[in-house]
N, C-alpha and C. Protein backbone atom coordinates (compact mmCIF):
# COMPACT_ATOMS: atom_id res chain seq x y z
N MET A 1 114.63 47.80 275.55
CA MET A 1 115.35 48.81 276.28
C MET A 1 114.53 49.18 277.51
N THR A 2 115.17 49.18 278.67
CA THR A 2 114.47 49.53 279.90
C THR A 2 114.81 50.95 280.31
N ASP A 3 113.86 51.59 280.96
CA ASP A 3 114.05 52.95 281.42
C ASP A 3 114.68 52.90 282.81
N THR A 4 115.88 53.44 282.96
CA THR A 4 116.58 53.42 284.24
C THR A 4 116.49 54.76 284.94
N THR A 5 115.54 55.60 284.54
CA THR A 5 115.37 56.89 285.17
C THR A 5 114.91 56.70 286.61
N LEU A 6 115.57 57.36 287.53
CA LEU A 6 115.22 57.28 288.94
C LEU A 6 114.15 58.32 289.23
N THR A 7 112.99 57.86 289.66
CA THR A 7 111.95 58.81 290.03
C THR A 7 112.06 59.08 291.52
N THR A 8 112.03 60.33 291.88
CA THR A 8 112.21 60.73 293.25
C THR A 8 110.93 61.35 293.78
N ALA A 9 110.50 60.85 294.91
CA ALA A 9 109.31 61.41 295.55
C ALA A 9 109.71 62.59 296.42
N ALA A 10 108.75 63.44 296.71
CA ALA A 10 108.97 64.54 297.64
C ALA A 10 108.50 64.10 299.02
N HIS A 11 108.81 64.87 300.03
CA HIS A 11 108.35 64.59 301.38
C HIS A 11 107.80 65.87 301.98
N GLY A 12 107.14 65.74 303.11
CA GLY A 12 106.50 66.88 303.74
C GLY A 12 107.28 67.52 304.86
N VAL A 13 108.59 67.32 304.89
CA VAL A 13 109.43 67.94 305.92
C VAL A 13 109.81 69.35 305.47
N GLY A 14 109.67 70.31 306.38
CA GLY A 14 110.03 71.69 306.08
C GLY A 14 111.37 72.06 306.69
N LEU A 15 111.95 73.11 306.19
CA LEU A 15 113.23 73.63 306.68
C LEU A 15 113.09 75.14 306.79
N THR A 16 113.29 75.68 307.99
CA THR A 16 113.16 77.12 308.15
C THR A 16 114.32 77.82 307.43
N ASP A 17 114.15 79.11 307.18
CA ASP A 17 115.22 79.88 306.54
C ASP A 17 116.48 79.87 307.39
N THR A 18 116.33 79.94 308.72
CA THR A 18 117.48 79.92 309.63
C THR A 18 118.23 78.60 309.52
N ALA A 19 117.48 77.49 309.49
CA ALA A 19 118.11 76.18 309.37
C ALA A 19 118.78 76.02 308.01
N ALA A 20 118.12 76.49 306.94
CA ALA A 20 118.71 76.39 305.60
C ALA A 20 120.01 77.18 305.53
N ALA A 21 120.04 78.36 306.14
CA ALA A 21 121.27 79.18 306.14
C ALA A 21 122.38 78.47 306.90
N LYS A 22 122.05 77.80 308.02
CA LYS A 22 123.06 77.07 308.79
C LYS A 22 123.58 75.89 307.98
N VAL A 23 122.69 75.15 307.33
CA VAL A 23 123.11 74.02 306.49
C VAL A 23 124.05 74.53 305.40
N ARG A 24 123.67 75.60 304.74
CA ARG A 24 124.49 76.19 303.68
C ARG A 24 125.88 76.56 304.20
N SER A 25 125.94 77.20 305.38
CA SER A 25 127.23 77.61 305.93
C SER A 25 128.09 76.40 306.31
N LEU A 26 127.46 75.34 306.81
CA LEU A 26 128.21 74.12 307.14
C LEU A 26 128.76 73.45 305.88
N LEU A 27 127.98 73.47 304.80
CA LEU A 27 128.46 72.89 303.54
C LEU A 27 129.65 73.69 303.00
N VAL A 28 129.58 75.01 303.12
CA VAL A 28 130.69 75.87 302.68
C VAL A 28 131.93 75.58 303.53
N GLN A 29 131.75 75.45 304.85
CA GLN A 29 132.86 75.13 305.74
C GLN A 29 133.53 73.82 305.35
N GLU A 30 132.71 72.84 304.99
CA GLU A 30 133.23 71.52 304.61
C GLU A 30 133.83 71.53 303.21
N GLY A 31 133.49 72.56 302.43
CA GLY A 31 133.97 72.61 301.06
C GLY A 31 133.33 71.56 300.18
N ARG A 32 132.09 71.19 300.51
CA ARG A 32 131.39 70.13 299.78
C ARG A 32 130.09 70.66 299.23
N ASP A 33 129.75 70.24 298.02
CA ASP A 33 128.46 70.59 297.45
C ASP A 33 127.68 69.34 297.06
N ASP A 34 128.19 68.17 297.50
CA ASP A 34 127.54 66.91 297.16
C ASP A 34 126.82 66.29 298.36
N LEU A 35 126.71 67.03 299.46
CA LEU A 35 126.08 66.50 300.66
C LEU A 35 124.64 66.99 300.79
N ARG A 36 123.81 66.14 301.36
CA ARG A 36 122.41 66.47 301.65
C ARG A 36 122.20 66.27 303.15
N LEU A 37 121.23 66.98 303.69
CA LEU A 37 120.86 66.78 305.08
C LEU A 37 119.85 65.64 305.13
N ARG A 38 120.21 64.56 305.82
CA ARG A 38 119.33 63.40 305.91
C ARG A 38 118.66 63.37 307.28
N LEU A 39 117.33 63.22 307.26
CA LEU A 39 116.54 63.09 308.48
C LEU A 39 115.88 61.73 308.45
N ALA A 40 116.04 60.98 309.53
CA ALA A 40 115.48 59.64 309.62
C ALA A 40 114.93 59.41 311.01
N VAL A 41 114.05 58.43 311.13
CA VAL A 41 113.52 57.98 312.40
C VAL A 41 114.01 56.56 312.61
N GLN A 42 114.57 56.29 313.79
CA GLN A 42 115.08 54.96 314.11
C GLN A 42 114.49 54.49 315.43
N PRO A 43 114.33 53.19 315.61
CA PRO A 43 113.91 52.68 316.92
C PRO A 43 114.97 53.00 317.96
N GLY A 44 114.53 53.37 319.17
CA GLY A 44 115.48 53.63 320.24
C GLY A 44 114.98 54.70 321.19
N GLY A 45 115.78 55.00 322.17
CA GLY A 45 115.43 56.01 323.16
C GLY A 45 114.39 55.47 324.12
N CYS A 46 114.08 56.24 325.14
CA CYS A 46 113.15 55.77 326.17
C CYS A 46 111.69 55.89 325.74
N SER A 47 111.39 56.61 324.65
CA SER A 47 110.00 56.71 324.18
C SER A 47 109.74 55.89 322.93
N GLY A 48 110.75 55.21 322.41
CA GLY A 48 110.53 54.29 321.30
C GLY A 48 111.17 54.67 319.98
N LEU A 49 111.23 55.97 319.64
CA LEU A 49 111.82 56.41 318.38
C LEU A 49 112.75 57.58 318.61
N ILE A 50 113.82 57.63 317.84
CA ILE A 50 114.76 58.76 317.91
C ILE A 50 114.98 59.32 316.51
N TYR A 51 115.34 60.58 316.45
CA TYR A 51 115.68 61.23 315.19
C TYR A 51 117.15 61.03 314.89
N GLN A 52 117.46 60.86 313.62
CA GLN A 52 118.82 60.86 313.12
C GLN A 52 118.91 62.03 312.14
N LEU A 53 119.84 62.94 312.32
CA LEU A 53 120.01 64.09 311.45
C LEU A 53 121.50 64.22 311.16
N TYR A 54 121.86 64.04 309.88
CA TYR A 54 123.28 64.06 309.52
C TYR A 54 123.43 64.36 308.03
N PHE A 55 124.65 64.72 307.64
CA PHE A 55 124.94 64.94 306.23
C PHE A 55 125.26 63.61 305.57
N ASP A 56 124.76 63.46 304.34
CA ASP A 56 124.93 62.20 303.62
C ASP A 56 125.15 62.51 302.14
N GLU A 57 126.09 61.81 301.54
CA GLU A 57 126.33 62.00 300.10
C GLU A 57 125.56 60.99 299.27
N ARG A 58 124.97 60.00 299.93
CA ARG A 58 124.27 58.93 299.22
C ARG A 58 122.83 59.32 298.89
N GLU A 59 122.33 58.75 297.80
CA GLU A 59 120.91 58.79 297.49
C GLU A 59 120.48 57.33 297.36
N LEU A 60 119.70 56.88 298.33
CA LEU A 60 119.30 55.48 298.39
C LEU A 60 117.98 55.27 297.66
N ASP A 61 117.75 54.06 297.24
CA ASP A 61 116.53 53.71 296.52
C ASP A 61 115.31 54.05 297.36
N GLY A 62 114.39 54.80 296.80
CA GLY A 62 113.16 55.16 297.50
C GLY A 62 113.24 56.43 298.32
N ASP A 63 114.42 57.07 298.40
CA ASP A 63 114.55 58.31 299.17
C ASP A 63 113.61 59.38 298.63
N ALA A 64 113.05 60.15 299.54
CA ALA A 64 112.25 61.32 299.18
C ALA A 64 113.13 62.55 299.41
N ILE A 65 113.24 63.40 298.39
CA ILE A 65 114.15 64.54 298.43
C ILE A 65 113.38 65.82 298.17
N ARG A 66 113.71 66.84 298.94
CA ARG A 66 113.11 68.15 298.73
C ARG A 66 114.21 69.19 298.75
N GLU A 67 114.23 70.06 297.73
CA GLU A 67 115.26 71.09 297.63
C GLU A 67 114.73 72.40 298.20
N PHE A 68 115.60 73.09 298.94
CA PHE A 68 115.23 74.34 299.58
C PHE A 68 116.03 75.51 299.03
N GLY A 69 116.64 75.36 297.88
CA GLY A 69 117.39 76.45 297.24
C GLY A 69 118.84 76.50 297.65
N ASP A 70 119.65 77.12 296.81
CA ASP A 70 121.09 77.27 297.05
C ASP A 70 121.77 75.96 297.37
N GLY A 71 121.30 74.86 296.78
CA GLY A 71 121.96 73.58 296.95
C GLY A 71 121.64 72.86 298.25
N VAL A 72 120.67 73.34 299.02
CA VAL A 72 120.30 72.69 300.28
C VAL A 72 119.16 71.72 300.00
N GLU A 73 119.42 70.44 300.26
CA GLU A 73 118.42 69.39 300.07
C GLU A 73 118.25 68.61 301.37
N VAL A 74 117.01 68.24 301.64
CA VAL A 74 116.69 67.37 302.78
C VAL A 74 116.20 66.05 302.22
N VAL A 75 116.78 64.96 302.71
CA VAL A 75 116.46 63.61 302.25
C VAL A 75 115.82 62.83 303.40
N VAL A 76 114.76 62.09 303.08
CA VAL A 76 114.09 61.24 304.06
C VAL A 76 113.90 59.86 303.43
N ASP A 77 114.26 58.82 304.17
CA ASP A 77 114.09 57.46 303.65
C ASP A 77 112.60 57.09 303.66
N PRO A 78 112.20 56.13 302.83
CA PRO A 78 110.77 55.81 302.69
C PRO A 78 110.10 55.33 303.97
N MET A 79 110.83 54.67 304.85
CA MET A 79 110.25 54.18 306.10
C MET A 79 109.96 55.32 307.08
N SER A 80 110.74 56.41 306.99
CA SER A 80 110.60 57.53 307.92
C SER A 80 109.58 58.56 307.47
N VAL A 81 109.26 58.59 306.18
CA VAL A 81 108.35 59.62 305.64
C VAL A 81 107.05 59.73 306.43
N PRO A 82 106.33 58.62 306.73
CA PRO A 82 105.05 58.77 307.45
C PRO A 82 105.20 59.38 308.84
N TYR A 83 106.33 59.12 309.51
CA TYR A 83 106.56 59.64 310.85
C TYR A 83 106.91 61.13 310.83
N LEU A 84 107.37 61.63 309.68
CA LEU A 84 107.91 62.99 309.61
C LEU A 84 107.08 63.96 308.78
N ASP A 85 105.98 63.50 308.21
CA ASP A 85 105.17 64.36 307.35
C ASP A 85 104.67 65.57 308.16
N GLY A 86 104.99 66.76 307.72
CA GLY A 86 104.59 67.98 308.40
C GLY A 86 105.60 68.48 309.42
N ALA A 87 106.68 67.74 309.64
CA ALA A 87 107.71 68.17 310.59
C ALA A 87 108.52 69.33 310.02
N THR A 88 109.08 70.14 310.91
CA THR A 88 109.90 71.27 310.50
C THR A 88 111.24 71.24 311.22
N ILE A 89 112.32 71.39 310.46
CA ILE A 89 113.66 71.47 311.02
C ILE A 89 114.00 72.94 311.18
N ASP A 90 114.46 73.31 312.36
CA ASP A 90 114.87 74.68 312.64
C ASP A 90 116.27 74.65 313.24
N PHE A 91 116.87 75.81 313.40
CA PHE A 91 118.17 75.91 314.05
C PHE A 91 118.08 76.97 315.12
N GLU A 92 118.44 76.59 316.36
CA GLU A 92 118.45 77.52 317.48
C GLU A 92 119.88 77.89 317.82
N ASP A 93 120.08 79.16 318.12
CA ASP A 93 121.40 79.64 318.53
C ASP A 93 121.20 80.64 319.67
N THR A 94 121.00 80.08 320.87
CA THR A 94 120.77 80.90 322.05
C THR A 94 121.79 80.53 323.11
N ILE A 95 121.74 81.24 324.23
CA ILE A 95 122.64 80.92 325.34
C ILE A 95 122.34 79.53 325.88
N GLN A 96 121.06 79.16 325.91
CA GLN A 96 120.68 77.86 326.46
C GLN A 96 120.93 76.69 325.52
N LYS A 97 120.82 76.95 324.22
CA LYS A 97 120.88 75.83 323.28
C LYS A 97 121.39 76.28 321.92
N GLN A 98 122.23 75.45 321.33
CA GLN A 98 122.64 75.67 319.96
C GLN A 98 122.53 74.34 319.22
N GLY A 99 121.79 74.34 318.13
CA GLY A 99 121.67 73.14 317.34
C GLY A 99 120.36 73.07 316.59
N PHE A 100 120.25 72.04 315.78
CA PHE A 100 119.04 71.81 315.00
C PHE A 100 117.95 71.25 315.91
N THR A 101 116.72 71.68 315.67
CA THR A 101 115.57 71.17 316.40
C THR A 101 114.55 70.66 315.39
N ILE A 102 113.71 69.74 315.82
CA ILE A 102 112.69 69.17 314.95
C ILE A 102 111.34 69.31 315.65
N ASP A 103 110.44 70.03 315.01
CA ASP A 103 109.08 70.17 315.50
C ASP A 103 108.23 69.23 314.67
N ASN A 104 107.74 68.16 315.31
CA ASN A 104 107.03 67.10 314.60
C ASN A 104 105.61 66.96 315.13
N PRO A 105 104.61 67.33 314.33
CA PRO A 105 103.22 67.21 314.78
C PRO A 105 102.76 65.76 314.93
N ASN A 106 103.51 64.81 314.40
CA ASN A 106 103.15 63.39 314.50
C ASN A 106 103.58 62.76 315.82
N ALA A 107 104.46 63.43 316.56
CA ALA A 107 104.92 62.91 317.84
C ALA A 107 103.82 63.13 318.88
N THR A 108 103.36 62.04 319.47
CA THR A 108 102.29 62.16 320.46
C THR A 108 102.83 62.35 321.86
N GLY A 109 104.10 62.18 322.05
CA GLY A 109 104.73 62.39 323.35
C GLY A 109 106.22 62.20 323.22
N SER A 110 106.95 62.68 324.22
CA SER A 110 108.40 62.52 324.22
C SER A 110 108.86 62.27 325.64
N CYS A 111 110.12 61.89 325.77
CA CYS A 111 110.67 61.65 327.09
C CYS A 111 111.19 62.96 327.68
N ALA A 112 111.58 62.94 328.91
CA ALA A 112 112.06 64.13 329.60
C ALA A 112 113.32 64.71 328.97
N CYS A 113 114.16 63.85 328.40
CA CYS A 113 115.40 64.34 327.80
C CYS A 113 115.14 65.01 326.46
N GLY A 114 113.99 64.74 325.85
CA GLY A 114 113.64 65.36 324.57
C GLY A 114 114.29 64.73 323.36
N ASP A 115 115.02 63.63 323.54
CA ASP A 115 115.72 63.00 322.43
C ASP A 115 114.90 61.92 321.74
N SER A 116 113.85 61.44 322.37
CA SER A 116 113.05 60.40 321.73
C SER A 116 111.58 60.75 321.82
N PHE A 117 110.78 60.08 320.99
CA PHE A 117 109.35 60.37 320.93
C PHE A 117 108.58 59.11 320.57
N HIS A 118 107.26 59.21 320.64
CA HIS A 118 106.38 58.13 320.19
C HIS A 118 105.16 58.72 319.54
């Protein structure tokens, strides 16, 4: 008999209370409780890497998951974990900007548009 228990690793990505509240409200709006916030790093942009931040119902092999209470979970794929360790997701709601932001201490530089980093 083989053990098919899925072991899940944690990751070092943080989520501010403001961002967690926004995620929670978006999940309520969607009427879904099976979605997680997925953060990934992909090749692209003018500095080499771009962030991907979206809701996902899947749990892929090797995903690192961290729960922030009230059903809010952040998922990071195994390839992205080293690039995102210590990063924090926040939500800004000002006149100049509305949306999720990522403060990543691993980014050594970014482009002028702020969408990509290296």
